[in-house]
C-alpha cells in the first residue's frame, strides 16, 4: 500500500463467542490498539462455528482468525473455514483450539488421514492427532523457540519468546506425515514439543498452541496478531486493485 493509505480489511473471527472466554474479551481491545498504534483497521465479524459450515461462509473476508474456545459447537464448521483459508490463500491465524484444528484439517484434507480425531471432540476415536497434554498448559507461561527463516521468525522478530497458554490438548501422532506434506513446525518448547505451525507458500498461514490474545494487557497486540492484520490489509488492497 502507499505510505498514507489506510485500508479497511474484513476479518472473520471464527468461534463461539463467549464473555467467559478471556481471549474473546481481549479482541475488541486488540482491534482498537491495531487501529490506534498501527493504523491497521480491521472490520471484524464473529462467525459462529455452526454458521461456518455454510458453503463459502468465510469467502470474501480478508483474513480468517480461528479463536480459542474449544470444544467448538461445530468441528465441521471450523474445519471448513480453515480449509477455505488454506485453499484460497486467505490470511489465516489459528490460536489454541485454532492451532489444533488447523493441524486436524491439514491431516484430513491434505495428508489423507481422514480418520484422525481430536480427543476433546471424539474421545472414543481409534486414532488421535490431538490428545490431552501430558502436563496441562492451562494458565501457564513457557518458552517457545522459533526457527530462523520461518514466517513465525519474521513476524515475531526473535528466536526465543515466552508465551501464555490456556489449553489441555496438543498434537501427538502423525507429525512426520504432516511435515512430509508441506506443513512446517516452526516453534517448539524447550523439550521439543510443537507449539507453532505454518504453511510455506501461503500468503500468511500461522497457527499457535499458545494464545497471543493474552499477551500483555491488550494495549500492544502480539506480533502474531499484528502480522495477521498486516496480511489482511494487503489482501484487501489487492482485492481493491491498490498497490501493496
Protein backbone atom coordinates (compact mmCIF):
# COMPACT_ATOMS: atom_id res chain seq x y z
CA UNK A 1 0.00 0.00 0.00
CA UNK A 2 1.07 3.59 -0.43
CA UNK A 3 2.53 5.24 2.65
CA UNK A 4 -0.56 7.27 3.57
CA UNK A 5 -3.22 4.77 2.58
CA UNK A 6 -5.39 3.20 5.28
CA UNK A 7 -7.06 0.02 4.09
CA UNK A 8 -10.01 -1.43 5.98
CA UNK A 9 -9.85 -5.23 5.98
CA UNK A 10 -12.70 -7.61 6.78
CA UNK A 11 -11.76 -10.33 9.24
CA UNK A 12 -13.79 -13.40 10.17
CA UNK A 13 -13.46 -14.35 13.84
CA UNK A 14 -14.45 -18.00 13.73
CA UNK A 15 -15.55 -19.41 17.07
CA UNK A 16 -18.38 -19.43 19.55
CA UNK A 17 -18.23 -16.02 21.20
CA UNK A 18 -18.49 -16.02 24.97
CA UNK A 19 -17.94 -13.29 27.58
CA UNK A 20 -16.46 -16.03 29.78
CA UNK A 21 -13.51 -16.65 27.45
CA UNK A 22 -10.80 -14.12 28.28
CA UNK A 23 -9.31 -14.26 24.79
CA UNK A 24 -12.67 -13.26 23.32
CA UNK A 25 -12.97 -10.24 25.60
CA UNK A 26 -9.49 -9.15 24.53
CA UNK A 27 -10.33 -9.00 20.82
CA UNK A 28 -12.04 -5.54 20.87
CA UNK A 29 -9.04 -4.13 22.78
CA UNK A 30 -6.67 -5.59 20.22
CA UNK A 31 -8.67 -4.18 17.31
CA UNK A 32 -8.66 -0.72 18.89
CA UNK A 33 -4.92 -0.92 19.55
CA UNK A 34 -4.20 -2.02 15.98
CA UNK A 35 -6.11 0.99 14.67
CA UNK A 36 -4.53 3.47 17.07
CA UNK A 37 -0.95 2.22 17.09
CA UNK A 38 -0.53 0.61 13.67
CA UNK A 39 -3.18 2.32 11.52
CA UNK A 40 -4.45 -1.17 10.71
CA UNK A 41 -8.23 -1.04 10.53
CA UNK A 42 -10.00 -4.38 10.84
CA UNK A 43 -13.73 -4.74 10.34
CA UNK A 44 -14.21 -7.91 12.37
CA UNK A 45 -17.24 -10.20 12.28
CA UNK A 46 -17.91 -13.10 14.61
CA UNK A 47 -18.77 -16.23 12.64
CA UNK A 48 -20.17 -18.90 14.97
CA UNK A 49 -18.77 -22.35 14.28
CA UNK A 50 -22.17 -23.67 13.21
CA UNK A 51 -22.58 -20.80 10.71
CA UNK A 52 -19.12 -21.56 9.32
CA UNK A 53 -20.47 -24.87 7.99
CA UNK A 54 -22.23 -23.00 5.15
CA UNK A 55 -20.52 -23.10 1.78
CA UNK A 56 -18.29 -20.06 1.36
CA UNK A 57 -19.04 -18.76 4.86
CA UNK A 58 -15.64 -17.03 5.12
CA UNK A 59 -15.12 -16.40 1.42
CA UNK A 60 -14.81 -12.68 0.74
CA UNK A 61 -13.06 -11.95 4.02
CA UNK A 62 -9.51 -10.63 4.04
CA UNK A 63 -8.46 -12.86 6.92
CA UNK A 64 -9.73 -15.76 8.98
CA UNK A 65 -8.87 -15.95 12.66
CA UNK A 66 -9.96 -19.15 14.41
CA UNK A 67 -10.02 -18.05 18.03
CA UNK A 68 -9.74 -20.13 21.23
CA UNK A 69 -12.76 -21.60 22.95
CA UNK A 70 -12.89 -25.29 22.09
CA UNK A 71 -14.71 -27.55 22.08
CA UNK A 72 -16.45 -25.65 19.31
CA UNK A 73 -20.12 -26.33 18.77
CA UNK A 74 -19.30 -27.43 15.22
CA UNK A 75 -15.99 -29.07 14.44
CA UNK A 76 -17.13 -29.31 10.81
CA UNK A 77 -17.67 -25.56 10.59
CA UNK A 78 -14.25 -24.71 11.99
CA UNK A 79 -12.56 -27.17 9.64
CA UNK A 80 -14.49 -25.75 6.68
CA UNK A 81 -13.33 -22.21 7.49
CA UNK A 82 -9.72 -23.33 7.78
CA UNK A 83 -9.93 -25.26 4.52
CA UNK A 84 -11.28 -22.21 2.69
CA UNK A 85 -8.48 -20.03 4.04
CA UNK A 86 -5.85 -22.63 3.16
CA UNK A 87 -7.11 -23.38 -0.35
CA UNK A 88 -7.98 -19.81 -1.35
CA UNK A 89 -4.93 -18.01 0.03
CA UNK A 90 -6.83 -16.03 2.66
CA UNK A 91 -4.55 -14.93 5.52
CA UNK A 92 -5.12 -17.24 8.47
CA UNK A 93 -4.34 -17.26 12.17
CA UNK A 94 -5.34 -20.13 14.44
CA UNK A 95 -4.76 -19.81 18.17
CA UNK A 96 -5.05 -22.56 20.80
CA UNK A 97 -8.08 -24.52 19.54
CA UNK A 98 -7.49 -22.89 16.17
CA UNK A 99 -3.99 -24.39 16.09
CA UNK A 100 -5.31 -27.83 16.96
CA UNK A 101 -7.98 -27.70 14.27
CA UNK A 102 -5.59 -26.31 11.65
CA UNK A 103 -3.48 -29.44 12.09
CA UNK A 104 -6.60 -31.61 12.01
CA UNK A 105 -7.83 -30.01 8.77
CA UNK A 106 -4.42 -30.40 7.14
CA UNK A 107 -4.15 -34.04 8.21
CA UNK A 108 -7.55 -34.88 6.80
CA UNK A 109 -7.64 -32.58 3.78
CA UNK A 110 -4.05 -32.78 2.55
CA UNK A 111 -2.48 -35.90 4.04
CA UNK A 112 -5.44 -38.22 3.54
CA UNK A 113 -5.60 -39.11 7.23
CA UNK A 114 -9.37 -38.98 7.17
CA UNK A 115 -9.88 -40.95 10.38
CA UNK A 116 -7.67 -38.93 12.72
CA UNK A 117 -9.52 -37.17 15.51
CA UNK A 118 -9.36 -34.59 18.25
CA UNK A 119 -9.73 -36.32 21.62
CA UNK A 120 -11.77 -33.45 23.05
CA UNK A 121 -14.30 -33.74 20.23
CA UNK A 122 -14.28 -37.51 19.76
CA UNK A 123 -12.88 -39.26 22.86
CA UNK A 124 -13.79 -42.74 21.56
CA UNK A 125 -11.90 -42.44 18.26
CA UNK A 126 -9.33 -45.06 17.35
CA UNK A 127 -6.66 -42.68 16.01
CA UNK A 128 -5.87 -39.34 17.62
CA UNK A 129 -3.95 -36.44 16.15
CA UNK A 130 -4.77 -34.15 19.08
CA UNK A 131 -4.64 -35.65 22.58
CA UNK A 132 -4.52 -34.45 26.19
CA UNK A 133 -1.14 -32.98 27.01
CA UNK A 134 0.97 -34.91 29.49
CA UNK A 135 1.10 -31.70 31.53
CA UNK A 136 -1.78 -29.26 31.09
CA UNK A 137 -0.72 -25.79 29.95
CA UNK A 138 -3.85 -24.08 31.23
CA UNK A 139 -2.77 -20.84 32.88
CA UNK A 140 0.92 -21.45 32.21
CA UNK A 141 3.69 -19.44 30.56
CA UNK A 142 6.51 -21.18 28.75
CA UNK A 143 9.42 -20.57 26.42
CA UNK A 144 8.91 -21.06 22.67
CA UNK A 145 11.95 -21.46 20.43
CA UNK A 146 11.31 -20.13 16.91
CA UNK A 147 13.10 -21.43 13.82
CA UNK A 148 15.21 -18.93 11.92
CA UNK A 149 13.99 -18.30 8.39
CA UNK A 150 10.38 -19.14 9.17
CA UNK A 151 7.29 -16.99 8.85
CA UNK A 152 6.99 -17.06 12.63
CA UNK A 153 10.54 -15.76 12.97
CA UNK A 154 9.90 -12.93 10.51
CA UNK A 155 6.70 -12.00 12.36
CA UNK A 156 8.00 -12.34 15.91
CA UNK A 157 11.45 -10.91 15.21
CA UNK A 158 13.09 -13.27 17.70
CA UNK A 159 14.20 -16.88 18.11
CA UNK A 160 13.04 -17.08 21.71
CA UNK A 161 9.80 -15.88 23.24
CA UNK A 162 7.73 -16.52 26.36
CA UNK A 163 4.06 -17.15 25.71
CA UNK A 164 0.86 -17.71 27.67
CA UNK A 165 -1.29 -20.80 27.33
CA UNK A 166 -4.75 -21.90 28.33
CA UNK A 167 -5.02 -25.38 26.88
CA UNK A 168 -5.05 -29.05 27.78
CA UNK A 169 -4.68 -30.60 24.31
CA UNK A 170 -1.91 -30.73 21.76
CA UNK A 171 -0.57 -32.66 18.76
CA UNK A 172 0.72 -36.18 19.26
CA UNK A 173 0.97 -38.63 16.34
CA UNK A 174 1.40 -38.31 12.56
CA UNK A 175 3.50 -35.12 12.74
CA UNK A 176 6.10 -36.56 10.35
CA UNK A 177 3.32 -37.15 7.82
CA UNK A 178 2.07 -33.58 8.13
CA UNK A 179 5.63 -32.32 7.70
CA UNK A 180 6.17 -34.53 4.65
CA UNK A 181 3.09 -32.99 3.02
CA UNK A 182 4.35 -29.43 3.48
CA UNK A 183 3.34 -28.20 6.93
CA UNK A 184 6.22 -26.59 8.81
CA UNK A 185 6.57 -26.79 12.57
CA UNK A 186 8.46 -23.59 13.23
CA UNK A 187 8.18 -23.27 17.01
CA UNK A 188 8.79 -25.72 19.84
CA UNK A 189 9.12 -25.65 23.58
CA UNK A 190 12.37 -26.43 25.36
CA UNK A 191 11.53 -30.17 25.27
CA UNK A 192 10.91 -30.09 21.52
CA UNK A 193 7.12 -30.21 21.60
CA UNK A 194 5.41 -28.44 18.68
CA UNK A 195 3.96 -25.04 19.53
CA UNK A 196 3.80 -23.19 16.15
CA UNK A 197 2.84 -24.40 12.68
CA UNK A 198 2.82 -22.59 9.35
CA UNK A 199 2.26 -23.32 5.68
CA UNK A 200 5.07 -22.24 3.34
CA UNK A 201 3.85 -20.82 0.03
CA UNK A 202 0.65 -19.45 1.54
CA UNK A 203 0.39 -15.64 1.83
CA UNK A 204 0.02 -15.93 5.62
CA UNK A 205 -0.88 -19.14 7.43
CA UNK A 206 0.18 -19.28 11.07
CA UNK A 207 -1.10 -21.32 14.00
CA UNK A 208 -0.01 -21.20 17.64
CA UNK A 209 -0.89 -23.50 20.51
CA UNK A 210 -0.40 -20.54 22.85
CA UNK A 211 -2.82 -17.63 22.98
CA UNK A 212 -1.36 -14.35 21.66
CA UNK A 213 -4.63 -12.70 22.72
CA UNK A 214 -3.36 -12.91 26.31
CA UNK A 215 -0.14 -11.03 25.58
CA UNK A 216 0.34 -8.08 27.94
CA UNK A 217 -2.72 -6.03 28.81
CA UNK A 218 -4.09 -5.84 25.27
CA UNK A 219 -2.75 -2.38 24.54
CA UNK A 220 0.16 -3.70 22.46
CA UNK A 221 -1.04 -6.52 20.20
CA UNK A 222 1.14 -9.60 19.97
CA UNK A 223 3.29 -9.82 16.80
CA UNK A 224 1.17 -12.72 15.54
CA UNK A 225 -1.94 -10.54 15.68
CA UNK A 226 -0.14 -7.63 14.03
CA UNK A 227 1.14 -9.97 11.35
CA UNK A 228 -2.37 -11.19 10.56
CA UNK A 229 -3.64 -7.60 10.46
CA UNK A 230 -0.94 -6.54 8.00
CA UNK A 231 -1.59 -9.56 5.81
CA UNK A 232 -5.32 -8.79 5.89
CA UNK A 233 -4.70 -5.18 4.86
CA UNK A 234 -2.55 -6.35 1.96
CA UNK A 235 -5.21 -8.84 0.90
CA UNK A 236 -7.84 -6.08 0.99
CA UNK A 237 -5.62 -3.79 -1.06
CA UNK A 238 -5.08 -6.47 -3.70
CA UNK A 239 -8.83 -7.07 -3.93
CA UNK A 240 -9.34 -3.34 -4.39
CA UNK A 241 -6.64 -3.15 -7.05
CA UNK A 242 -4.46 -0.86 -4.95
CA UNK A 243 -0.65 -1.04 -4.76
CA UNK A 244 0.62 -3.15 -1.88
